[in-house]
Amino acid sequence: QTLGWCDIGYNALVDKYGQIFEGAYGGLERAVRGAHTGGFNTYTFG
C-alpha cells in the first residue's frame, strides 16, 4: 500500500525462532519475481 508494490517484496521471511513465512503470492514452488533486490529480482528467490 505505502510503496505501491502490490504485494510483499520478499518471496519468504524467516523469524529468529526459525518460523518460515510464505511471502509474495504465486507459490513458493514456482518462479515468482519479487521486489527484494532492485535490478536483480528476475531469476532470484529472496
ModelCIF file with pLDDT and N, C-alpha, C, O atoms, coordinates in Angstrom:
data_MODEL
#
_entry.id   MODEL 
#
_entity.id                         1 
_entity.type                       polymer 
_entity.pdbx_number_of_molecules   1 
#
_entity_poly.entity_id                      1 
_entity_poly.type                           'polypeptide(L)' 
_entity_poly.nstd_linkage                   no 
_entity_poly.nstd_monomer                   no 
_entity_poly.pdbx_seq_one_letter_code       QTLGWCDIGYNALVDKYGQIFEGAYGGLERAVRGAHTGGFNTYTFG 
_entity_poly.pdbx_seq_one_letter_code_can   QTLGWCDIGYNALVDKYGQIFEGAYGGLERAVRGAHTGGFNTYTFG 
_entity_poly.pdbx_strand_id                 A 
#
loop_
_entity_poly_seq.entity_id 
_entity_poly_seq.num 
_entity_poly_seq.mon_id 
_entity_poly_seq.hetero 
1 1  GLN n 
1 2  THR n 
1 3  LEU n 
1 4  GLY n 
1 5  TRP n 
1 6  CYS n 
1 7  ASP n 
1 8  ILE n 
1 9  GLY n 
1 10 TYR n 
1 11 ASN n 
1 12 ALA n 
1 13 LEU n 
1 14 VAL n 
1 15 ASP n 
1 16 LYS n 
1 17 TYR n 
1 18 GLY n 
1 19 GLN n 
1 20 ILE n 
1 21 PHE n 
1 22 GLU n 
1 23 GLY n 
1 24 ALA n 
1 25 TYR n 
1 26 GLY n 
1 27 GLY n 
1 28 LEU n 
1 29 GLU n 
1 30 ARG n 
1 31 ALA n 
1 32 VAL n 
1 33 ARG n 
1 34 GLY n 
1 35 ALA n 
1 36 HIS n 
1 37 THR n 
1 38 GLY n 
1 39 GLY n 
1 40 PHE n 
1 41 ASN n 
1 42 THR n 
1 43 TYR n 
1 44 THR n 
1 45 PHE n 
1 46 GLY n 
#
_struct_asym.id          A 
_struct_asym.entity_id   1 
#
loop_
_ma_qa_metric.id 
_ma_qa_metric.mode 
_ma_qa_metric.name 
_ma_qa_metric.software_group_id 
_ma_qa_metric.type 
1 global pLDDT . pLDDT 
2 local  pLDDT . pLDDT 
#
_ma_qa_metric_global.metric_id      1 
_ma_qa_metric_global.metric_value   96.04 
_ma_qa_metric_global.model_id       1 
_ma_qa_metric_global.ordinal_id     1 
#
loop_
_ma_qa_metric_local.label_asym_id 
_ma_qa_metric_local.label_comp_id 
_ma_qa_metric_local.label_seq_id 
_ma_qa_metric_local.metric_id 
_ma_qa_metric_local.metric_value 
_ma_qa_metric_local.model_id 
_ma_qa_metric_local.ordinal_id 
A GLN 1  2 93.00 1 1  
A THR 2  2 95.00 1 2  
A LEU 3  2 95.00 1 3  
A GLY 4  2 93.00 1 4  
A TRP 5  2 94.00 1 5  
A CYS 6  2 92.00 1 6  
A ASP 7  2 95.00 1 7  
A ILE 8  2 96.00 1 8  
A GLY 9  2 96.00 1 9  
A TYR 10 2 98.00 1 10 
A ASN 11 2 98.00 1 11 
A ALA 12 2 98.00 1 12 
A LEU 13 2 98.00 1 13 
A VAL 14 2 98.00 1 14 
A ASP 15 2 98.00 1 15 
A LYS 16 2 98.00 1 16 
A TYR 17 2 97.00 1 17 
A GLY 18 2 97.00 1 18 
A GLN 19 2 97.00 1 19 
A ILE 20 2 97.00 1 20 
A PHE 21 2 97.00 1 21 
A GLU 22 2 97.00 1 22 
A GLY 23 2 97.00 1 23 
A ALA 24 2 96.00 1 24 
A TYR 25 2 95.00 1 25 
A GLY 26 2 94.00 1 26 
A GLY 27 2 94.00 1 27 
A LEU 28 2 96.00 1 28 
A GLU 29 2 96.00 1 29 
A ARG 30 2 95.00 1 30 
A ALA 31 2 95.00 1 31 
A VAL 32 2 95.00 1 32 
A ARG 33 2 95.00 1 33 
A GLY 34 2 94.00 1 34 
A ALA 35 2 95.00 1 35 
A HIS 36 2 96.00 1 36 
A THR 37 2 96.00 1 37 
A GLY 38 2 95.00 1 38 
A GLY 39 2 96.00 1 39 
A PHE 40 2 97.00 1 40 
A ASN 41 2 97.00 1 41 
A THR 42 2 96.00 1 42 
A TYR 43 2 97.00 1 43 
A THR 44 2 98.00 1 44 
A PHE 45 2 98.00 1 45 
A GLY 46 2 98.00 1 46 
#
loop_
_atom_site.group_PDB 
_atom_site.id 
_atom_site.type_symbol 
_atom_site.label_atom_id 
_atom_site.label_alt_id 
_atom_site.label_comp_id 
_atom_site.label_asym_id 
_atom_site.label_entity_id 
_atom_site.label_seq_id 
_atom_site.pdbx_PDB_ins_code 
_atom_site.Cartn_x 
_atom_site.Cartn_y 
_atom_site.Cartn_z 
_atom_site.occupancy 
_atom_site.B_iso_or_equiv 
_atom_site.pdbx_formal_charge 
_atom_site.auth_seq_id 
_atom_site.auth_comp_id 
_atom_site.auth_asym_id 
_atom_site.auth_atom_id 
_atom_site.pdbx_PDB_model_num 
ATOM 1   N N  . GLN A 1 1  ? 0.807  -1.218  0.000   1.00 93.00 ? 1  GLN A N  1 
ATOM 2   C CA . GLN A 1 1  ? 0.000  0.000   0.000   1.00 93.00 ? 1  GLN A CA 1 
ATOM 3   C C  . GLN A 1 1  ? 0.843  1.272   0.000   1.00 93.00 ? 1  GLN A C  1 
ATOM 4   O O  . GLN A 1 1  ? 0.638  2.146   -0.843  1.00 93.00 ? 1  GLN A O  1 
ATOM 5   N N  . THR A 1 2  ? 1.785  1.388   0.928   1.00 95.00 ? 2  THR A N  1 
ATOM 6   C CA . THR A 1 2  ? 2.568  2.616   1.022   1.00 95.00 ? 2  THR A CA 1 
ATOM 7   C C  . THR A 1 2  ? 3.523  2.762   -0.165  1.00 95.00 ? 2  THR A C  1 
ATOM 8   O O  . THR A 1 2  ? 3.607  3.830   -0.771  1.00 95.00 ? 2  THR A O  1 
ATOM 9   N N  . LEU A 1 3  ? 4.241  1.683   -0.494  1.00 95.00 ? 3  LEU A N  1 
ATOM 10  C CA . LEU A 1 3  ? 5.217  1.754   -1.580  1.00 95.00 ? 3  LEU A CA 1 
ATOM 11  C C  . LEU A 1 3  ? 4.600  1.458   -2.944  1.00 95.00 ? 3  LEU A C  1 
ATOM 12  O O  . LEU A 1 3  ? 5.224  1.716   -3.973  1.00 95.00 ? 3  LEU A O  1 
ATOM 13  N N  . GLY A 1 4  ? 3.396  0.925   -2.962  1.00 93.00 ? 4  GLY A N  1 
ATOM 14  C CA . GLY A 1 4  ? 2.716  0.660   -4.221  1.00 93.00 ? 4  GLY A CA 1 
ATOM 15  C C  . GLY A 1 4  ? 3.259  -0.527  -4.985  1.00 93.00 ? 4  GLY A C  1 
ATOM 16  O O  . GLY A 1 4  ? 3.183  -0.556  -6.213  1.00 93.00 ? 4  GLY A O  1 
ATOM 17  N N  . TRP A 1 5  ? 3.810  -1.514  -4.280  1.00 94.00 ? 5  TRP A N  1 
ATOM 18  C CA . TRP A 1 5  ? 4.380  -2.679  -4.942  1.00 94.00 ? 5  TRP A CA 1 
ATOM 19  C C  . TRP A 1 5  ? 3.357  -3.783  -5.199  1.00 94.00 ? 5  TRP A C  1 
ATOM 20  O O  . TRP A 1 5  ? 3.698  -4.809  -5.788  1.00 94.00 ? 5  TRP A O  1 
ATOM 21  N N  . CYS A 1 6  ? 2.143  -3.595  -4.780  1.00 92.00 ? 6  CYS A N  1 
ATOM 22  C CA . CYS A 1 6  ? 1.054  -4.565  -4.990  1.00 92.00 ? 6  CYS A CA 1 
ATOM 23  C C  . CYS A 1 6  ? 1.119  -5.776  -4.066  1.00 92.00 ? 6  CYS A C  1 
ATOM 24  O O  . CYS A 1 6  ? 0.100  -6.436  -3.863  1.00 92.00 ? 6  CYS A O  1 
ATOM 25  N N  . ASP A 1 7  ? 2.264  -6.084  -3.510  1.00 95.00 ? 7  ASP A N  1 
ATOM 26  C CA . ASP A 1 7  ? 2.407  -7.265  -2.669  1.00 95.00 ? 7  ASP A CA 1 
ATOM 27  C C  . ASP A 1 7  ? 3.652  -7.084  -1.811  1.00 95.00 ? 7  ASP A C  1 
ATOM 28  O O  . ASP A 1 7  ? 4.360  -6.086  -1.943  1.00 95.00 ? 7  ASP A O  1 
ATOM 29  N N  . ILE A 1 8  ? 3.920  -8.035  -0.942  1.00 96.00 ? 8  ILE A N  1 
ATOM 30  C CA . ILE A 1 8  ? 5.149  -8.026  -0.166  1.00 96.00 ? 8  ILE A CA 1 
ATOM 31  C C  . ILE A 1 8  ? 6.308  -8.327  -1.108  1.00 96.00 ? 8  ILE A C  1 
ATOM 32  O O  . ILE A 1 8  ? 6.168  -9.146  -2.016  1.00 96.00 ? 8  ILE A O  1 
ATOM 33  N N  . GLY A 1 9  ? 7.449  -7.677  -0.902  1.00 96.00 ? 9  GLY A N  1 
ATOM 34  C CA . GLY A 1 9  ? 8.550  -7.795  -1.845  1.00 96.00 ? 9  GLY A CA 1 
ATOM 35  C C  . GLY A 1 9  ? 9.331  -9.086  -1.741  1.00 96.00 ? 9  GLY A C  1 
ATOM 36  O O  . GLY A 1 9  ? 9.880  -9.542  -2.744  1.00 96.00 ? 9  GLY A O  1 
ATOM 37  N N  . TYR A 1 10 ? 9.405  -9.707  -0.544  1.00 98.00 ? 10 TYR A N  1 
ATOM 38  C CA . TYR A 1 10 ? 10.194 -10.913 -0.344  1.00 98.00 ? 10 TYR A CA 1 
ATOM 39  C C  . TYR A 1 10 ? 9.416  -12.148 -0.787  1.00 98.00 ? 10 TYR A C  1 
ATOM 40  O O  . TYR A 1 10 ? 8.188  -12.183 -0.699  1.00 98.00 ? 10 TYR A O  1 
ATOM 41  N N  . ASN A 1 11 ? 10.143 -13.163 -1.266  1.00 98.00 ? 11 ASN A N  1 
ATOM 42  C CA . ASN A 1 11 ? 9.497  -14.439 -1.559  1.00 98.00 ? 11 ASN A CA 1 
ATOM 43  C C  . ASN A 1 11 ? 9.218  -15.232 -0.288  1.00 98.00 ? 11 ASN A C  1 
ATOM 44  O O  . ASN A 1 11 ? 8.262  -16.006 -0.235  1.00 98.00 ? 11 ASN A O  1 
ATOM 45  N N  . ALA A 1 12 ? 10.049 -15.041 0.737   1.00 98.00 ? 12 ALA A N  1 
ATOM 46  C CA . ALA A 1 12 ? 9.841  -15.729 2.011   1.00 98.00 ? 12 ALA A CA 1 
ATOM 47  C C  . ALA A 1 12 ? 10.546 -14.932 3.106   1.00 98.00 ? 12 ALA A C  1 
ATOM 48  O O  . ALA A 1 12 ? 11.488 -14.185 2.842   1.00 98.00 ? 12 ALA A O  1 
ATOM 49  N N  . LEU A 1 13 ? 10.069 -15.107 4.342   1.00 98.00 ? 13 LEU A N  1 
ATOM 50  C CA . LEU A 1 13 ? 10.670 -14.467 5.511   1.00 98.00 ? 13 LEU A CA 1 
ATOM 51  C C  . LEU A 1 13 ? 10.862 -15.530 6.587   1.00 98.00 ? 13 LEU A C  1 
ATOM 52  O O  . LEU A 1 13 ? 10.068 -16.465 6.691   1.00 98.00 ? 13 LEU A O  1 
ATOM 53  N N  . VAL A 1 14 ? 11.924 -15.384 7.390   1.00 98.00 ? 14 VAL A N  1 
ATOM 54  C CA . VAL A 1 14 ? 12.217 -16.340 8.460   1.00 98.00 ? 14 VAL A CA 1 
ATOM 55  C C  . VAL A 1 14 ? 12.477 -15.557 9.737   1.00 98.00 ? 14 VAL A C  1 
ATOM 56  O O  . VAL A 1 14 ? 13.347 -14.686 9.766   1.00 98.00 ? 14 VAL A O  1 
ATOM 57  N N  . ASP A 1 15 ? 11.725 -15.862 10.801  1.00 98.00 ? 15 ASP A N  1 
ATOM 58  C CA . ASP A 1 15 ? 11.918 -15.122 12.049  1.00 98.00 ? 15 ASP A CA 1 
ATOM 59  C C  . ASP A 1 15 ? 13.043 -15.733 12.877  1.00 98.00 ? 15 ASP A C  1 
ATOM 60  O O  . ASP A 1 15 ? 13.599 -16.769 12.512  1.00 98.00 ? 15 ASP A O  1 
ATOM 61  N N  . LYS A 1 16 ? 13.374 -15.088 13.992  1.00 98.00 ? 16 LYS A N  1 
ATOM 62  C CA . LYS A 1 16 ? 14.511 -15.532 14.799  1.00 98.00 ? 16 LYS A CA 1 
ATOM 63  C C  . LYS A 1 16 ? 14.232 -16.852 15.502  1.00 98.00 ? 16 LYS A C  1 
ATOM 64  O O  . LYS A 1 16 ? 15.152 -17.473 16.033  1.00 98.00 ? 16 LYS A O  1 
ATOM 65  N N  . TYR A 1 17 ? 12.985 -17.286 15.513  1.00 97.00 ? 17 TYR A N  1 
ATOM 66  C CA . TYR A 1 17 ? 12.616 -18.569 16.117  1.00 97.00 ? 17 TYR A CA 1 
ATOM 67  C C  . TYR A 1 17 ? 12.669 -19.703 15.099  1.00 97.00 ? 17 TYR A C  1 
ATOM 68  O O  . TYR A 1 17 ? 12.455 -20.863 15.454  1.00 97.00 ? 17 TYR A O  1 
ATOM 69  N N  . GLY A 1 18 ? 12.953 -19.379 13.836  1.00 97.00 ? 18 GLY A N  1 
ATOM 70  C CA . GLY A 1 18 ? 13.020 -20.398 12.792  1.00 97.00 ? 18 GLY A CA 1 
ATOM 71  C C  . GLY A 1 18 ? 11.725 -20.619 12.042  1.00 97.00 ? 18 GLY A C  1 
ATOM 72  O O  . GLY A 1 18 ? 11.647 -21.520 11.207  1.00 97.00 ? 18 GLY A O  1 
ATOM 73  N N  . GLN A 1 19 ? 10.700 -19.814 12.319  1.00 97.00 ? 19 GLN A N  1 
ATOM 74  C CA . GLN A 1 19 ? 9.450  -19.938 11.587  1.00 97.00 ? 19 GLN A CA 1 
ATOM 75  C C  . GLN A 1 19 ? 9.610  -19.361 10.177  1.00 97.00 ? 19 GLN A C  1 
ATOM 76  O O  . GLN A 1 19 ? 10.150 -18.268 10.005  1.00 97.00 ? 19 GLN A O  1 
ATOM 77  N N  . ILE A 1 20 ? 9.138  -20.100 9.176   1.00 97.00 ? 20 ILE A N  1 
ATOM 78  C CA . ILE A 1 20 ? 9.214  -19.665 7.784   1.00 97.00 ? 20 ILE A CA 1 
ATOM 79  C C  . ILE A 1 20 ? 7.842  -19.171 7.351   1.00 97.00 ? 20 ILE A C  1 
ATOM 80  O O  . ILE A 1 20 ? 6.839  -19.852 7.561   1.00 97.00 ? 20 ILE A O  1 
ATOM 81  N N  . PHE A 1 21 ? 7.795  -17.976 6.742   1.00 97.00 ? 21 PHE A N  1 
ATOM 82  C CA . PHE A 1 21 ? 6.553  -17.379 6.275   1.00 97.00 ? 21 PHE A CA 1 
ATOM 83  C C  . PHE A 1 21 ? 6.584  -17.252 4.749   1.00 97.00 ? 21 PHE A C  1 
ATOM 84  O O  . PHE A 1 21 ? 7.550  -16.745 4.180   1.00 97.00 ? 21 PHE A O  1 
ATOM 85  N N  . GLU A 1 22 ? 5.528  -17.712 4.102   1.00 97.00 ? 22 GLU A N  1 
ATOM 86  C CA . GLU A 1 22 ? 5.403  -17.509 2.664   1.00 97.00 ? 22 GLU A CA 1 
ATOM 87  C C  . GLU A 1 22 ? 5.272  -16.025 2.375   1.00 97.00 ? 22 GLU A C  1 
ATOM 88  O O  . GLU A 1 22 ? 4.496  -15.334 3.034   1.00 97.00 ? 22 GLU A O  1 
ATOM 89  N N  . GLY A 1 23 ? 6.019  -15.525 1.398   1.00 97.00 ? 23 GLY A N  1 
ATOM 90  C CA . GLY A 1 23 ? 5.972  -14.119 1.049   1.00 97.00 ? 23 GLY A CA 1 
ATOM 91  C C  . GLY A 1 23 ? 5.084  -13.852 -0.147  1.00 97.00 ? 23 GLY A C  1 
ATOM 92  O O  . GLY A 1 23 ? 3.871  -14.049 -0.082  1.00 97.00 ? 23 GLY A O  1 
ATOM 93  N N  . ALA A 1 24 ? 5.683  -13.403 -1.245  1.00 96.00 ? 24 ALA A N  1 
ATOM 94  C CA . ALA A 1 24 ? 4.921  -12.976 -2.418  1.00 96.00 ? 24 ALA A CA 1 
ATOM 95  C C  . ALA A 1 24 ? 3.961  -14.054 -2.904  1.00 96.00 ? 24 ALA A C  1 
ATOM 96  O O  . ALA A 1 24 ? 4.290  -15.240 -2.928  1.00 96.00 ? 24 ALA A O  1 
ATOM 97  N N  . TYR A 1 25 ? 2.787  -13.622 -3.285  1.00 95.00 ? 25 TYR A N  1 
ATOM 98  C CA . TYR A 1 25 ? 1.726  -14.504 -3.764  1.00 95.00 ? 25 TYR A CA 1 
ATOM 99  C C  . TYR A 1 25 ? 2.149  -15.177 -5.074  1.00 95.00 ? 25 TYR A C  1 
ATOM 100 O O  . TYR A 1 25 ? 2.820  -14.563 -5.903  1.00 95.00 ? 25 TYR A O  1 
ATOM 101 N N  . GLY A 1 26 ? 1.761  -16.417 -5.252  1.00 94.00 ? 26 GLY A N  1 
ATOM 102 C CA . GLY A 1 26 ? 2.015  -17.085 -6.517  1.00 94.00 ? 26 GLY A CA 1 
ATOM 103 C C  . GLY A 1 26 ? 2.604  -18.471 -6.378  1.00 94.00 ? 26 GLY A C  1 
ATOM 104 O O  . GLY A 1 26 ? 2.651  -19.218 -7.356  1.00 94.00 ? 26 GLY A O  1 
ATOM 105 N N  . GLY A 1 27 ? 3.063  -18.843 -5.166  1.00 94.00 ? 27 GLY A N  1 
ATOM 106 C CA . GLY A 1 27 ? 3.542  -20.196 -4.955  1.00 94.00 ? 27 GLY A CA 1 
ATOM 107 C C  . GLY A 1 27 ? 5.041  -20.278 -4.788  1.00 94.00 ? 27 GLY A C  1 
ATOM 108 O O  . GLY A 1 27 ? 5.786  -19.883 -5.686  1.00 94.00 ? 27 GLY A O  1 
ATOM 109 N N  . LEU A 1 28 ? 5.498  -20.782 -3.656  1.00 96.00 ? 28 LEU A N  1 
ATOM 110 C CA . LEU A 1 28 ? 6.925  -20.944 -3.418  1.00 96.00 ? 28 LEU A CA 1 
ATOM 111 C C  . LEU A 1 28 ? 7.547  -21.938 -4.386  1.00 96.00 ? 28 LEU A C  1 
ATOM 112 O O  . LEU A 1 28 ? 8.749  -21.877 -4.642  1.00 96.00 ? 28 LEU A O  1 
ATOM 113 N N  . GLU A 1 29 ? 6.743  -22.858 -4.931  1.00 96.00 ? 29 GLU A N  1 
ATOM 114 C CA . GLU A 1 29 ? 7.254  -23.856 -5.856  1.00 96.00 ? 29 GLU A CA 1 
ATOM 115 C C  . GLU A 1 29 ? 7.604  -23.269 -7.211  1.00 96.00 ? 29 GLU A C  1 
ATOM 116 O O  . GLU A 1 29 ? 8.336  -23.881 -7.988  1.00 96.00 ? 29 GLU A O  1 
ATOM 117 N N  . ARG A 1 30 ? 7.079  -22.076 -7.498  1.00 95.00 ? 30 ARG A N  1 
ATOM 118 C CA . ARG A 1 30 ? 7.208  -21.514 -8.826  1.00 95.00 ? 30 ARG A CA 1 
ATOM 119 C C  . ARG A 1 30 ? 8.132  -20.295 -8.844  1.00 95.00 ? 30 ARG A C  1 
ATOM 120 O O  . ARG A 1 30 ? 8.551  -19.802 -7.797  1.00 95.00 ? 30 ARG A O  1 
ATOM 121 N N  . ALA A 1 31 ? 8.437  -19.824 -10.041 1.00 95.00 ? 31 ALA A N  1 
ATOM 122 C CA . ALA A 1 31 ? 9.372  -18.700 -10.217 1.00 95.00 ? 31 ALA A CA 1 
ATOM 123 C C  . ALA A 1 31 ? 8.583  -17.397 -10.199 1.00 95.00 ? 31 ALA A C  1 
ATOM 124 O O  . ALA A 1 31 ? 8.083  -16.949 -11.230 1.00 95.00 ? 31 ALA A O  1 
ATOM 125 N N  . VAL A 1 32 ? 8.476  -16.793 -9.012  1.00 95.00 ? 32 VAL A N  1 
ATOM 126 C CA . VAL A 1 32 ? 7.735  -15.544 -8.830  1.00 95.00 ? 32 VAL A CA 1 
ATOM 127 C C  . VAL A 1 32 ? 8.743  -14.412 -8.640  1.00 95.00 ? 32 VAL A C  1 
ATOM 128 O O  . VAL A 1 32 ? 9.597  -14.484 -7.757  1.00 95.00 ? 32 VAL A O  1 
ATOM 129 N N  . ARG A 1 33 ? 8.648  -13.376 -9.460  1.00 95.00 ? 33 ARG A N  1 
ATOM 130 C CA . ARG A 1 33 ? 9.545  -12.233 -9.310  1.00 95.00 ? 33 ARG A CA 1 
ATOM 131 C C  . ARG A 1 33 ? 9.027  -11.318 -8.205  1.00 95.00 ? 33 ARG A C  1 
ATOM 132 O O  . ARG A 1 33 ? 7.885  -10.861 -8.254  1.00 95.00 ? 33 ARG A O  1 
ATOM 133 N N  . GLY A 1 34 ? 9.867  -11.055 -7.215  1.00 94.00 ? 34 GLY A N  1 
ATOM 134 C CA . GLY A 1 34 ? 9.502  -10.170 -6.129  1.00 94.00 ? 34 GLY A CA 1 
ATOM 135 C C  . GLY A 1 34 ? 10.037 -8.766  -6.355  1.00 94.00 ? 34 GLY A C  1 
ATOM 136 O O  . GLY A 1 34 ? 10.294 -8.354  -7.486  1.00 94.00 ? 34 GLY A O  1 
ATOM 137 N N  . ALA A 1 35 ? 10.203 -8.029  -5.237  1.00 95.00 ? 35 ALA A N  1 
ATOM 138 C CA . ALA A 1 35 ? 10.757 -6.664  -5.289  1.00 95.00 ? 35 ALA A CA 1 
ATOM 139 C C  . ALA A 1 35 ? 11.749 -6.508  -4.147  1.00 95.00 ? 35 ALA A C  1 
ATOM 140 O O  . ALA A 1 35 ? 11.688 -5.544  -3.384  1.00 95.00 ? 35 ALA A O  1 
ATOM 141 N N  . HIS A 1 36 ? 12.658 -7.461  -4.037  1.00 96.00 ? 36 HIS A N  1 
ATOM 142 C CA . HIS A 1 36 ? 13.567 -7.514  -2.890  1.00 96.00 ? 36 HIS A CA 1 
ATOM 143 C C  . HIS A 1 36 ? 14.987 -7.076  -3.221  1.00 96.00 ? 36 HIS A C  1 
ATOM 144 O O  . HIS A 1 36 ? 15.714 -6.657  -2.320  1.00 96.00 ? 36 HIS A O  1 
ATOM 145 N N  . THR A 1 37 ? 15.409 -7.159  -4.486  1.00 96.00 ? 37 THR A N  1 
ATOM 146 C CA . THR A 1 37 ? 16.796 -6.889  -4.862  1.00 96.00 ? 37 THR A CA 1 
ATOM 147 C C  . THR A 1 37 ? 16.776 -6.088  -6.154  1.00 96.00 ? 37 THR A C  1 
ATOM 148 O O  . THR A 1 37 ? 16.930 -6.658  -7.235  1.00 96.00 ? 37 THR A O  1 
ATOM 149 N N  . GLY A 1 38 ? 16.589 -4.779  -6.060  1.00 95.00 ? 38 GLY A N  1 
ATOM 150 C CA . GLY A 1 38 ? 16.401 -3.937  -7.237  1.00 95.00 ? 38 GLY A CA 1 
ATOM 151 C C  . GLY A 1 38 ? 17.448 -4.177  -8.308  1.00 95.00 ? 38 GLY A C  1 
ATOM 152 O O  . GLY A 1 38 ? 18.647 -4.128  -8.034  1.00 95.00 ? 38 GLY A O  1 
ATOM 153 N N  . GLY A 1 39 ? 16.998 -4.435  -9.527  1.00 96.00 ? 39 GLY A N  1 
ATOM 154 C CA . GLY A 1 39 ? 17.886 -4.746  -10.634 1.00 96.00 ? 39 GLY A CA 1 
ATOM 155 C C  . GLY A 1 39 ? 18.160 -6.217  -10.787 1.00 96.00 ? 39 GLY A C  1 
ATOM 156 O O  . GLY A 1 39 ? 18.597 -6.653  -11.852 1.00 96.00 ? 39 GLY A O  1 
ATOM 157 N N  . PHE A 1 40 ? 17.912 -7.008  -9.739  1.00 97.00 ? 40 PHE A N  1 
ATOM 158 C CA . PHE A 1 40 ? 18.234 -8.433  -9.757  1.00 97.00 ? 40 PHE A CA 1 
ATOM 159 C C  . PHE A 1 40 ? 17.078 -9.281  -9.204  1.00 97.00 ? 40 PHE A C  1 
ATOM 160 O O  . PHE A 1 40 ? 17.307 -10.360 -8.658  1.00 97.00 ? 40 PHE A O  1 
ATOM 161 N N  . ASN A 1 41 ? 15.863 -8.800  -9.343  1.00 97.00 ? 41 ASN A N  1 
ATOM 162 C CA . ASN A 1 41 ? 14.706 -9.570  -8.905  1.00 97.00 ? 41 ASN A CA 1 
ATOM 163 C C  . ASN A 1 41 ? 14.405 -10.726 -9.863  1.00 97.00 ? 41 ASN A C  1 
ATOM 164 O O  . ASN A 1 41 ? 13.934 -11.782 -9.441  1.00 97.00 ? 41 ASN A O  1 
ATOM 165 N N  . THR A 1 42 ? 14.682 -10.518 -11.164 1.00 96.00 ? 42 THR A N  1 
ATOM 166 C CA . THR A 1 42 ? 14.440 -11.563 -12.145 1.00 96.00 ? 42 THR A CA 1 
ATOM 167 C C  . THR A 1 42 ? 15.404 -12.718 -11.899 1.00 96.00 ? 42 THR A C  1 
ATOM 168 O O  . THR A 1 42 ? 16.609 -12.512 -11.758 1.00 96.00 ? 42 THR A O  1 
ATOM 169 N N  . TYR A 1 43 ? 14.872 -13.920 -11.850 1.00 97.00 ? 43 TYR A N  1 
ATOM 170 C CA . TYR A 1 43 ? 15.638 -15.163 -11.681 1.00 97.00 ? 43 TYR A CA 1 
ATOM 171 C C  . TYR A 1 43 ? 16.171 -15.365 -10.269 1.00 97.00 ? 43 TYR A C  1 
ATOM 172 O O  . TYR A 1 43 ? 16.990 -16.260 -10.058 1.00 97.00 ? 43 TYR A O  1 
ATOM 173 N N  . THR A 1 44 ? 15.737 -14.565 -9.288  1.00 98.00 ? 44 THR A N  1 
ATOM 174 C CA . THR A 1 44 ? 16.211 -14.761 -7.920  1.00 98.00 ? 44 THR A CA 1 
ATOM 175 C C  . THR A 1 44 ? 15.057 -14.998 -6.960  1.00 98.00 ? 44 THR A C  1 
ATOM 176 O O  . THR A 1 44 ? 13.925 -14.577 -7.198  1.00 98.00 ? 44 THR A O  1 
ATOM 177 N N  . PHE A 1 45 ? 15.375 -15.684 -5.870  1.00 98.00 ? 45 PHE A N  1 
ATOM 178 C CA . PHE A 1 45 ? 14.442 -16.034 -4.807  1.00 98.00 ? 45 PHE A CA 1 
ATOM 179 C C  . PHE A 1 45 ? 14.917 -15.316 -3.555  1.00 98.00 ? 45 PHE A C  1 
ATOM 180 O O  . PHE A 1 45 ? 15.994 -15.621 -3.043  1.00 98.00 ? 45 PHE A O  1 
ATOM 181 N N  . GLY A 1 46 ? 14.130 -14.362 -3.049  1.00 98.00 ? 46 GLY A N  1 
ATOM 182 C CA . GLY A 1 46 ? 14.545 -13.526 -1.936  1.00 98.00 ? 46 GLY A CA 1 
ATOM 183 C C  . GLY A 1 46 ? 14.039 -14.031 -0.599  1.00 98.00 ? 46 GLY A C  1 
ATOM 184 O O  . GLY A 1 46 ? 14.314 -13.421 0.435   1.00 98.00 ? 46 GLY A O  1 
#
